[in-house]
């Protein structure tokens, strides 16, 4: 997973260099094709790492989740913690987050997921799986999490403020016991 994260970051960096016109004269001269060799090599490295991740980790994890959900929970949590922003990973995270709502989790696993959810709220970007995080927190939220989200909702960081407010609204809509309203 970390290999894919690095490969994705490297590809993004090479792509930005090319798109922003930051290539050296030599690189420009060598790139008679559609894109420079450095961008093509970075793309190939990223796609290879992505295929390796899905074939060796994600597909077996989805199969294990269907057959024995409790044994797959720790691997899922690790995948969610790394938060790879690469192609197809958002769809995989959505699927896994949806399935985690029905899995019997230990208190340590629940706490890990709450911590990751707070990190997701604090991040300065939106990802497609954020709604699934909100729905999972309906099941996993506790008073401590809601207090942290309330503080985050008052943050000057507009991304954190917006996401924390959205998550709180989702939790409180379905869990009036945490909102103080009956």
N, C-alpha and C. Protein backbone atom coordinates (compact mmCIF):
# COMPACT_ATOMS: atom_id res chain seq x y z
N UNK A 1 0.82 -1.19 0.00
CA UNK A 1 0.00 0.00 0.00
C UNK A 1 0.87 1.26 0.00
N UNK A 2 1.91 1.21 0.80
CA UNK A 2 2.80 2.36 0.84
C UNK A 2 3.55 2.54 -0.48
N UNK A 3 3.86 1.41 -1.14
CA UNK A 3 4.51 1.47 -2.45
C UNK A 3 3.60 2.17 -3.46
N UNK A 4 2.32 1.84 -3.43
CA UNK A 4 1.37 2.48 -4.33
C UNK A 4 1.24 3.97 -3.99
N UNK A 5 1.19 4.27 -2.71
CA UNK A 5 1.08 5.66 -2.28
C UNK A 5 2.26 6.47 -2.83
N UNK A 6 3.46 5.92 -2.71
CA UNK A 6 4.66 6.60 -3.22
C UNK A 6 4.62 6.69 -4.74
N UNK A 7 4.25 5.62 -5.42
CA UNK A 7 4.18 5.63 -6.89
C UNK A 7 3.16 6.65 -7.38
N UNK A 8 2.03 6.76 -6.68
CA UNK A 8 1.01 7.73 -7.06
C UNK A 8 1.52 9.15 -6.87
N UNK A 9 2.19 9.38 -5.76
CA UNK A 9 2.76 10.70 -5.47
C UNK A 9 3.81 11.07 -6.52
N UNK A 10 4.67 10.11 -6.89
CA UNK A 10 5.70 10.36 -7.90
C UNK A 10 5.08 10.67 -9.25
N UNK A 11 4.05 9.91 -9.63
CA UNK A 11 3.37 10.16 -10.90
C UNK A 11 2.75 11.55 -10.91
N UNK A 12 2.09 11.90 -9.83
CA UNK A 12 1.44 13.21 -9.74
C UNK A 12 2.48 14.33 -9.86
N UNK A 13 3.62 14.12 -9.24
CA UNK A 13 4.70 15.11 -9.31
C UNK A 13 5.22 15.27 -10.74
N UNK A 14 5.47 14.16 -11.42
CA UNK A 14 5.95 14.20 -12.80
C UNK A 14 4.91 14.83 -13.72
N UNK A 15 3.66 14.46 -13.50
CA UNK A 15 2.57 15.01 -14.31
C UNK A 15 2.52 16.53 -14.13
N UNK A 16 2.59 17.00 -12.88
CA UNK A 16 2.55 18.44 -12.61
C UNK A 16 3.72 19.16 -13.26
N UNK A 17 4.92 18.57 -13.18
CA UNK A 17 6.10 19.17 -13.81
C UNK A 17 5.86 19.36 -15.31
N UNK A 18 5.31 18.33 -15.94
CA UNK A 18 5.07 18.39 -17.37
C UNK A 18 3.99 19.43 -17.71
N UNK A 19 2.87 19.37 -16.99
CA UNK A 19 1.75 20.26 -17.27
C UNK A 19 2.08 21.72 -16.97
N UNK A 20 2.96 21.96 -16.00
CA UNK A 20 3.32 23.33 -15.63
C UNK A 20 4.51 23.85 -16.43
N UNK A 21 5.00 23.05 -17.37
CA UNK A 21 6.10 23.50 -18.23
C UNK A 21 7.44 23.56 -17.51
N UNK A 22 7.64 22.69 -16.53
CA UNK A 22 8.88 22.72 -15.75
C UNK A 22 9.91 21.70 -16.22
N UNK A 23 9.74 21.16 -17.41
CA UNK A 23 10.70 20.18 -17.93
C UNK A 23 11.99 20.88 -18.37
N UNK A 24 13.08 20.17 -18.26
CA UNK A 24 14.34 20.71 -18.75
C UNK A 24 14.34 20.70 -20.27
N UNK A 25 15.28 21.42 -20.86
CA UNK A 25 15.38 21.45 -22.32
C UNK A 25 15.58 20.05 -22.89
N UNK A 26 16.42 19.28 -22.21
CA UNK A 26 16.71 17.93 -22.67
C UNK A 26 15.44 17.07 -22.66
N UNK A 27 14.66 17.18 -21.57
CA UNK A 27 13.42 16.40 -21.48
C UNK A 27 12.43 16.82 -22.57
N UNK A 28 12.36 18.12 -22.82
CA UNK A 28 11.45 18.60 -23.87
C UNK A 28 11.87 18.08 -25.24
N UNK A 29 13.16 18.10 -25.48
CA UNK A 29 13.69 17.63 -26.76
C UNK A 29 13.44 16.14 -26.96
N UNK A 30 13.57 15.37 -25.88
CA UNK A 30 13.39 13.92 -25.95
C UNK A 30 11.92 13.52 -26.04
N UNK A 31 11.02 14.40 -25.68
CA UNK A 31 9.60 14.02 -25.64
C UNK A 31 8.92 14.37 -26.96
N UNK A 32 9.26 13.64 -27.99
CA UNK A 32 8.60 13.81 -29.29
C UNK A 32 7.22 13.16 -29.27
N UNK A 33 7.00 12.27 -28.31
CA UNK A 33 5.73 11.57 -28.21
C UNK A 33 4.72 12.47 -27.50
N UNK A 34 3.59 11.91 -27.18
CA UNK A 34 2.53 12.66 -26.51
C UNK A 34 2.97 13.20 -25.16
N UNK A 35 3.70 12.41 -24.42
CA UNK A 35 4.16 12.85 -23.12
C UNK A 35 5.62 12.44 -22.93
N UNK A 36 6.33 13.10 -22.02
CA UNK A 36 7.73 12.77 -21.79
C UNK A 36 7.89 11.36 -21.21
N UNK A 37 9.06 10.80 -21.41
CA UNK A 37 9.35 9.45 -20.92
C UNK A 37 9.25 9.39 -19.40
N UNK A 38 9.60 10.48 -18.70
CA UNK A 38 9.53 10.47 -17.24
C UNK A 38 8.09 10.30 -16.75
N UNK A 39 7.15 10.93 -17.44
CA UNK A 39 5.74 10.82 -17.07
C UNK A 39 5.24 9.41 -17.39
N UNK A 40 5.62 8.89 -18.56
CA UNK A 40 5.21 7.53 -18.93
C UNK A 40 5.75 6.50 -17.95
N UNK A 41 7.01 6.66 -17.56
CA UNK A 41 7.62 5.72 -16.61
C UNK A 41 6.93 5.80 -15.25
N UNK A 42 6.62 7.02 -14.79
CA UNK A 42 5.94 7.18 -13.50
C UNK A 42 4.54 6.59 -13.56
N UNK A 43 3.84 6.78 -14.70
CA UNK A 43 2.50 6.20 -14.86
C UNK A 43 2.56 4.68 -14.83
N UNK A 44 3.52 4.12 -15.55
CA UNK A 44 3.66 2.66 -15.59
C UNK A 44 3.95 2.11 -14.20
N UNK A 45 4.82 2.77 -13.47
CA UNK A 45 5.15 2.35 -12.10
C UNK A 45 3.91 2.39 -11.21
N UNK A 46 3.11 3.46 -11.35
CA UNK A 46 1.90 3.59 -10.53
C UNK A 46 0.89 2.50 -10.88
N UNK A 47 0.67 2.26 -12.16
CA UNK A 47 -0.31 1.25 -12.57
C UNK A 47 0.13 -0.16 -12.17
N UNK A 48 1.43 -0.41 -12.23
CA UNK A 48 1.95 -1.71 -11.79
C UNK A 48 1.71 -1.89 -10.29
N UNK A 49 2.01 -0.86 -9.51
CA UNK A 49 1.79 -0.92 -8.05
C UNK A 49 0.31 -1.05 -7.74
N UNK A 50 -0.53 -0.37 -8.50
CA UNK A 50 -1.98 -0.45 -8.30
C UNK A 50 -2.49 -1.85 -8.58
N UNK A 51 -2.06 -2.43 -9.68
CA UNK A 51 -2.46 -3.81 -9.99
C UNK A 51 -1.99 -4.78 -8.91
N UNK A 52 -0.76 -4.60 -8.47
CA UNK A 52 -0.22 -5.48 -7.42
C UNK A 52 -1.03 -5.34 -6.14
N UNK A 53 -1.39 -4.12 -5.78
CA UNK A 53 -2.20 -3.90 -4.57
C UNK A 53 -3.55 -4.59 -4.68
N UNK A 54 -4.22 -4.42 -5.81
CA UNK A 54 -5.56 -5.00 -5.95
C UNK A 54 -5.51 -6.52 -6.01
N UNK A 55 -4.56 -7.06 -6.76
CA UNK A 55 -4.48 -8.51 -6.91
C UNK A 55 -4.03 -9.18 -5.61
N UNK A 56 -3.05 -8.60 -4.93
CA UNK A 56 -2.50 -9.25 -3.74
C UNK A 56 -3.20 -8.86 -2.44
N UNK A 57 -3.85 -7.71 -2.40
CA UNK A 57 -4.43 -7.25 -1.14
C UNK A 57 -5.95 -7.06 -1.18
N UNK A 58 -6.42 -6.20 -2.07
CA UNK A 58 -7.82 -5.77 -2.04
C UNK A 58 -8.79 -6.88 -2.43
N UNK A 59 -8.56 -7.55 -3.55
CA UNK A 59 -9.48 -8.62 -3.96
C UNK A 59 -9.54 -9.75 -2.94
N UNK A 60 -8.38 -10.23 -2.42
CA UNK A 60 -8.46 -11.26 -1.37
C UNK A 60 -9.14 -10.73 -0.10
N UNK A 61 -8.94 -9.45 0.19
CA UNK A 61 -9.55 -8.85 1.38
C UNK A 61 -11.08 -8.80 1.23
N UNK A 62 -11.55 -8.45 0.05
CA UNK A 62 -13.00 -8.44 -0.20
C UNK A 62 -13.58 -9.85 -0.08
N UNK A 63 -12.86 -10.83 -0.58
CA UNK A 63 -13.30 -12.22 -0.48
C UNK A 63 -13.33 -12.66 0.98
N UNK A 64 -12.28 -12.34 1.72
CA UNK A 64 -12.22 -12.70 3.15
C UNK A 64 -13.32 -11.99 3.93
N UNK A 65 -13.60 -10.75 3.57
CA UNK A 65 -14.66 -9.99 4.25
C UNK A 65 -16.01 -10.67 4.07
N UNK A 66 -16.24 -11.22 2.90
CA UNK A 66 -17.52 -11.89 2.64
C UNK A 66 -17.63 -13.22 3.39
N UNK A 67 -16.50 -13.92 3.53
CA UNK A 67 -16.55 -15.24 4.16
C UNK A 67 -16.31 -15.18 5.68
N UNK A 68 -15.39 -14.34 6.13
CA UNK A 68 -15.06 -14.26 7.55
C UNK A 68 -14.76 -12.81 7.92
N UNK A 69 -15.81 -12.01 8.13
CA UNK A 69 -15.64 -10.57 8.31
C UNK A 69 -14.74 -10.15 9.48
N UNK A 70 -14.84 -10.82 10.59
CA UNK A 70 -14.07 -10.37 11.76
C UNK A 70 -12.57 -10.53 11.58
N UNK A 71 -12.13 -11.52 10.79
CA UNK A 71 -10.70 -11.70 10.59
C UNK A 71 -10.13 -10.65 9.62
N UNK A 72 -10.97 -10.07 8.78
CA UNK A 72 -10.52 -9.10 7.79
C UNK A 72 -10.48 -7.67 8.34
N UNK A 73 -11.07 -7.43 9.49
CA UNK A 73 -11.22 -6.07 10.01
C UNK A 73 -9.90 -5.33 10.19
N UNK A 74 -8.88 -5.97 10.75
CA UNK A 74 -7.61 -5.29 10.97
C UNK A 74 -6.94 -4.89 9.66
N UNK A 75 -7.02 -5.75 8.65
CA UNK A 75 -6.44 -5.42 7.34
C UNK A 75 -7.19 -4.27 6.69
N UNK A 76 -8.49 -4.25 6.85
CA UNK A 76 -9.30 -3.15 6.30
C UNK A 76 -8.93 -1.84 6.97
N UNK A 77 -8.78 -1.88 8.28
CA UNK A 77 -8.43 -0.67 9.03
C UNK A 77 -7.07 -0.14 8.57
N UNK A 78 -6.12 -1.02 8.34
CA UNK A 78 -4.80 -0.60 7.85
C UNK A 78 -4.90 0.04 6.47
N UNK A 79 -5.70 -0.55 5.59
CA UNK A 79 -5.91 0.02 4.26
C UNK A 79 -6.54 1.41 4.36
N UNK A 80 -7.52 1.57 5.24
CA UNK A 80 -8.17 2.86 5.40
C UNK A 80 -7.23 3.89 6.02
N UNK A 81 -6.37 3.46 6.90
CA UNK A 81 -5.43 4.38 7.56
C UNK A 81 -4.43 4.96 6.56
N UNK A 82 -3.95 4.15 5.62
CA UNK A 82 -2.97 4.62 4.65
C UNK A 82 -3.60 5.66 3.72
N UNK A 83 -4.88 5.53 3.41
CA UNK A 83 -5.63 6.50 2.62
C UNK A 83 -4.95 6.82 1.29
N UNK A 84 -4.89 5.85 0.42
CA UNK A 84 -4.27 6.01 -0.89
C UNK A 84 -5.22 6.77 -1.81
N UNK A 85 -4.78 7.90 -2.37
CA UNK A 85 -5.66 8.68 -3.24
C UNK A 85 -5.55 8.26 -4.70
N UNK A 86 -5.40 6.99 -4.98
CA UNK A 86 -5.16 6.52 -6.34
C UNK A 86 -6.45 6.00 -6.98
N UNK A 87 -6.38 5.86 -8.28
CA UNK A 87 -7.47 5.36 -9.10
C UNK A 87 -8.01 4.04 -8.54
N UNK A 88 -9.32 3.93 -8.41
CA UNK A 88 -10.06 2.74 -7.95
C UNK A 88 -10.02 2.54 -6.44
N UNK A 89 -9.12 3.21 -5.73
CA UNK A 89 -9.04 3.01 -4.28
C UNK A 89 -10.24 3.60 -3.56
N UNK A 90 -10.79 4.69 -4.06
CA UNK A 90 -11.98 5.28 -3.46
C UNK A 90 -13.17 4.33 -3.50
N UNK A 91 -13.34 3.65 -4.61
CA UNK A 91 -14.42 2.68 -4.73
C UNK A 91 -14.22 1.52 -3.75
N UNK A 92 -12.97 1.07 -3.64
CA UNK A 92 -12.68 -0.03 -2.70
C UNK A 92 -12.95 0.42 -1.27
N UNK A 93 -12.55 1.65 -0.93
CA UNK A 93 -12.80 2.16 0.43
C UNK A 93 -14.29 2.27 0.70
N UNK A 94 -15.06 2.73 -0.29
CA UNK A 94 -16.51 2.82 -0.12
C UNK A 94 -17.10 1.45 0.19
N UNK A 95 -16.71 0.45 -0.58
CA UNK A 95 -17.22 -0.90 -0.37
C UNK A 95 -16.87 -1.40 1.03
N UNK A 96 -15.60 -1.24 1.42
CA UNK A 96 -15.15 -1.76 2.71
C UNK A 96 -15.80 -1.01 3.88
N UNK A 97 -15.95 0.30 3.75
CA UNK A 97 -16.61 1.06 4.82
C UNK A 97 -18.07 0.65 4.98
N UNK A 98 -18.74 0.39 3.87
CA UNK A 98 -20.13 -0.05 3.94
C UNK A 98 -20.25 -1.39 4.65
N UNK A 99 -19.33 -2.29 4.34
CA UNK A 99 -19.38 -3.62 4.95
C UNK A 99 -18.98 -3.61 6.42
N UNK A 100 -18.14 -2.66 6.83
CA UNK A 100 -17.71 -2.61 8.23
C UNK A 100 -18.86 -2.35 9.20
N UNK A 101 -19.93 -1.75 8.71
CA UNK A 101 -21.07 -1.47 9.60
C UNK A 101 -21.69 -2.75 10.16
N UNK A 102 -21.54 -3.86 9.46
CA UNK A 102 -22.17 -5.11 9.88
C UNK A 102 -21.20 -6.06 10.58
N UNK A 103 -19.93 -5.67 10.68
CA UNK A 103 -18.91 -6.54 11.25
C UNK A 103 -18.84 -6.33 12.76
N UNK A 104 -18.68 -7.42 13.49
CA UNK A 104 -18.49 -7.36 14.94
C UNK A 104 -17.05 -6.92 15.20
N UNK A 105 -16.88 -5.69 15.69
CA UNK A 105 -15.54 -5.13 15.91
C UNK A 105 -15.18 -5.11 17.38
N UNK A 106 -13.88 -5.22 17.66
CA UNK A 106 -13.40 -5.07 19.04
C UNK A 106 -13.39 -3.58 19.37
N UNK A 107 -13.26 -3.28 20.65
CA UNK A 107 -13.21 -1.87 21.06
C UNK A 107 -11.98 -1.17 20.48
N UNK A 108 -10.86 -1.87 20.39
CA UNK A 108 -9.65 -1.29 19.78
C UNK A 108 -9.89 -0.94 18.32
N UNK A 109 -10.54 -1.82 17.59
CA UNK A 109 -10.83 -1.57 16.18
C UNK A 109 -11.78 -0.39 16.02
N UNK A 110 -12.79 -0.32 16.89
CA UNK A 110 -13.72 0.81 16.84
C UNK A 110 -12.99 2.12 17.09
N UNK A 111 -12.10 2.11 18.09
CA UNK A 111 -11.36 3.32 18.41
C UNK A 111 -10.44 3.72 17.26
N UNK A 112 -9.80 2.76 16.62
CA UNK A 112 -8.95 3.05 15.46
C UNK A 112 -9.77 3.70 14.34
N UNK A 113 -10.94 3.17 14.10
CA UNK A 113 -11.80 3.74 13.05
C UNK A 113 -12.26 5.15 13.40
N UNK A 114 -12.54 5.40 14.67
CA UNK A 114 -12.92 6.76 15.09
C UNK A 114 -11.76 7.73 14.85
N UNK A 115 -10.54 7.30 15.19
CA UNK A 115 -9.36 8.15 14.99
C UNK A 115 -9.15 8.45 13.51
N UNK A 116 -9.31 7.43 12.68
CA UNK A 116 -9.14 7.63 11.24
C UNK A 116 -10.22 8.58 10.71
N UNK A 117 -11.44 8.44 11.22
CA UNK A 117 -12.53 9.32 10.79
C UNK A 117 -12.21 10.78 11.13
N UNK A 118 -11.63 11.01 12.30
CA UNK A 118 -11.22 12.38 12.66
C UNK A 118 -10.13 12.89 11.72
N UNK A 119 -9.18 12.02 11.39
CA UNK A 119 -8.12 12.42 10.44
C UNK A 119 -8.70 12.75 9.07
N UNK A 120 -9.70 11.98 8.66
CA UNK A 120 -10.36 12.25 7.38
C UNK A 120 -11.04 13.62 7.42
N UNK A 121 -11.65 13.94 8.53
CA UNK A 121 -12.30 15.25 8.67
C UNK A 121 -11.28 16.39 8.68
N UNK A 122 -10.13 16.16 9.25
CA UNK A 122 -9.11 17.20 9.35
C UNK A 122 -8.36 17.43 8.04
N UNK A 123 -8.41 16.48 7.13
CA UNK A 123 -7.67 16.58 5.87
C UNK A 123 -8.21 17.72 5.01
N UNK A 124 -7.32 18.31 4.23
CA UNK A 124 -7.70 19.45 3.41
C UNK A 124 -8.17 19.06 2.01
N UNK A 125 -8.93 18.00 1.92
CA UNK A 125 -9.48 17.56 0.65
C UNK A 125 -10.72 16.74 0.91
N UNK A 126 -11.56 16.66 -0.11
CA UNK A 126 -12.74 15.80 -0.04
C UNK A 126 -12.45 14.55 -0.86
N UNK A 127 -12.90 13.43 -0.36
CA UNK A 127 -12.77 12.19 -1.11
C UNK A 127 -14.15 11.58 -1.24
N UNK A 128 -14.32 10.78 -2.28
CA UNK A 128 -15.62 10.23 -2.60
C UNK A 128 -16.19 9.35 -1.48
N UNK A 129 -15.33 8.74 -0.66
CA UNK A 129 -15.80 7.83 0.37
C UNK A 129 -16.22 8.52 1.66
N UNK A 130 -16.19 9.86 1.69
CA UNK A 130 -16.50 10.56 2.94
C UNK A 130 -17.91 10.26 3.45
N UNK A 131 -18.87 10.16 2.57
CA UNK A 131 -20.25 9.83 3.01
C UNK A 131 -20.30 8.48 3.71
N UNK A 132 -19.51 7.53 3.22
CA UNK A 132 -19.46 6.21 3.86
C UNK A 132 -18.86 6.31 5.26
N UNK A 133 -17.86 7.20 5.42
CA UNK A 133 -17.30 7.42 6.76
C UNK A 133 -18.40 7.94 7.68
N UNK A 134 -19.20 8.88 7.20
CA UNK A 134 -20.28 9.43 8.01
C UNK A 134 -21.27 8.34 8.42
N UNK A 135 -21.62 7.50 7.49
CA UNK A 135 -22.58 6.42 7.77
C UNK A 135 -22.00 5.40 8.75
N UNK A 136 -20.72 5.11 8.63
CA UNK A 136 -20.09 4.18 9.57
C UNK A 136 -20.06 4.78 10.97
N UNK A 137 -19.85 6.08 11.06
CA UNK A 137 -19.78 6.72 12.37
C UNK A 137 -21.13 6.74 13.07
N UNK A 138 -22.22 6.58 12.32
CA UNK A 138 -23.53 6.44 12.97
C UNK A 138 -23.48 5.25 13.92
N UNK A 139 -22.86 4.18 13.49
CA UNK A 139 -22.76 2.95 14.28
C UNK A 139 -21.69 3.06 15.36
N UNK A 140 -20.57 3.70 15.06
CA UNK A 140 -19.41 3.68 15.95
C UNK A 140 -19.27 4.91 16.85
N UNK A 141 -20.02 5.95 16.60
CA UNK A 141 -19.84 7.20 17.35
C UNK A 141 -20.11 7.02 18.84
N UNK A 142 -19.34 7.76 19.61
CA UNK A 142 -19.56 7.85 21.06
C UNK A 142 -19.49 9.32 21.45
N UNK A 143 -19.69 9.60 22.72
CA UNK A 143 -19.71 10.98 23.20
C UNK A 143 -18.37 11.67 22.96
N UNK A 144 -17.26 10.96 23.17
CA UNK A 144 -15.93 11.56 22.97
C UNK A 144 -15.73 11.98 21.52
N UNK A 145 -16.15 11.13 20.59
CA UNK A 145 -16.02 11.47 19.17
C UNK A 145 -16.85 12.70 18.83
N UNK A 146 -18.07 12.75 19.29
CA UNK A 146 -18.92 13.89 18.96
C UNK A 146 -18.36 15.19 19.55
N UNK A 147 -17.77 15.12 20.74
CA UNK A 147 -17.16 16.31 21.33
C UNK A 147 -15.98 16.79 20.48
N UNK A 148 -15.16 15.86 19.99
CA UNK A 148 -14.03 16.23 19.13
C UNK A 148 -14.53 16.81 17.81
N UNK A 149 -15.59 16.23 17.28
CA UNK A 149 -16.15 16.74 16.02
C UNK A 149 -16.75 18.14 16.21
N UNK A 150 -17.36 18.39 17.35
CA UNK A 150 -17.91 19.72 17.63
C UNK A 150 -16.78 20.75 17.66
N UNK A 151 -15.67 20.41 18.30
CA UNK A 151 -14.51 21.32 18.32
C UNK A 151 -13.97 21.54 16.91
N UNK A 152 -13.92 20.47 16.14
CA UNK A 152 -13.42 20.56 14.77
C UNK A 152 -14.38 21.37 13.89
N UNK A 153 -15.66 21.30 14.18
CA UNK A 153 -16.65 22.06 13.41
C UNK A 153 -16.51 23.56 13.65
N UNK A 154 -15.81 23.94 14.70
CA UNK A 154 -15.57 25.36 15.00
C UNK A 154 -14.19 25.80 14.54
N UNK A 155 -13.53 24.93 13.79
CA UNK A 155 -12.18 25.18 13.30
C UNK A 155 -12.16 26.27 12.23
N UNK A 156 -11.07 27.03 12.14
CA UNK A 156 -10.96 28.01 11.05
C UNK A 156 -10.69 27.35 9.69
N UNK A 157 -10.26 26.09 9.71
CA UNK A 157 -10.03 25.35 8.47
C UNK A 157 -11.39 25.01 7.87
N UNK A 158 -11.70 25.59 6.71
CA UNK A 158 -13.05 25.43 6.16
C UNK A 158 -13.35 24.00 5.74
N UNK A 159 -12.33 23.24 5.30
CA UNK A 159 -12.55 21.84 4.95
C UNK A 159 -12.92 21.04 6.20
N UNK A 160 -12.13 21.22 7.25
CA UNK A 160 -12.38 20.49 8.49
C UNK A 160 -13.73 20.89 9.08
N UNK A 161 -14.01 22.16 9.05
CA UNK A 161 -15.28 22.66 9.60
C UNK A 161 -16.46 22.06 8.86
N UNK A 162 -16.38 22.06 7.54
CA UNK A 162 -17.48 21.55 6.73
C UNK A 162 -17.67 20.04 6.91
N UNK A 163 -16.57 19.30 6.88
CA UNK A 163 -16.68 17.84 7.00
C UNK A 163 -17.11 17.42 8.40
N UNK A 164 -16.59 18.08 9.43
CA UNK A 164 -16.99 17.75 10.79
C UNK A 164 -18.48 18.06 11.00
N UNK A 165 -18.94 19.17 10.47
CA UNK A 165 -20.36 19.53 10.58
C UNK A 165 -21.23 18.50 9.87
N UNK A 166 -20.79 18.08 8.71
CA UNK A 166 -21.53 17.10 7.93
C UNK A 166 -21.59 15.76 8.67
N UNK A 167 -20.47 15.34 9.23
CA UNK A 167 -20.45 14.07 9.96
C UNK A 167 -21.33 14.17 11.21
N UNK A 168 -21.25 15.28 11.93
CA UNK A 168 -22.09 15.47 13.12
C UNK A 168 -23.57 15.43 12.75
N UNK A 169 -23.91 16.13 11.69
CA UNK A 169 -25.32 16.15 11.27
C UNK A 169 -25.81 14.73 10.96
N UNK A 170 -25.00 13.95 10.29
CA UNK A 170 -25.37 12.58 9.96
C UNK A 170 -25.53 11.74 11.22
N UNK A 171 -24.58 11.88 12.14
CA UNK A 171 -24.64 11.11 13.40
C UNK A 171 -25.87 11.50 14.20
N UNK A 172 -26.08 12.80 14.39
CA UNK A 172 -27.19 13.27 15.23
C UNK A 172 -28.55 12.95 14.63
N UNK A 173 -28.64 12.93 13.29
CA UNK A 173 -29.90 12.61 12.64
C UNK A 173 -30.34 11.19 12.98
N UNK A 174 -29.36 10.29 13.11
CA UNK A 174 -29.69 8.88 13.35
C UNK A 174 -29.46 8.43 14.78
N UNK A 175 -28.76 9.25 15.56
CA UNK A 175 -28.45 8.89 16.95
C UNK A 175 -28.81 10.03 17.89
N UNK A 176 -30.09 10.24 18.14
CA UNK A 176 -30.48 11.35 19.02
C UNK A 176 -29.93 11.19 20.44
N UNK A 177 -29.53 9.98 20.83
CA UNK A 177 -28.97 9.77 22.15
C UNK A 177 -27.63 10.52 22.31
N UNK A 178 -26.93 10.76 21.22
CA UNK A 178 -25.65 11.48 21.29
C UNK A 178 -25.83 12.99 21.16
N UNK A 179 -26.93 13.43 20.58
CA UNK A 179 -27.14 14.85 20.39
C UNK A 179 -27.73 15.53 21.63
N UNK A 180 -28.17 14.74 22.57
CA UNK A 180 -28.79 15.31 23.76
C UNK A 180 -30.28 15.51 23.61
N UNK A 181 -30.80 15.25 22.41
CA UNK A 181 -32.25 15.38 22.16
C UNK A 181 -32.87 14.00 22.18
N UNK A 182 -34.03 13.90 22.67
CA UNK A 182 -34.75 12.61 22.72
C UNK A 182 -35.91 12.62 21.78
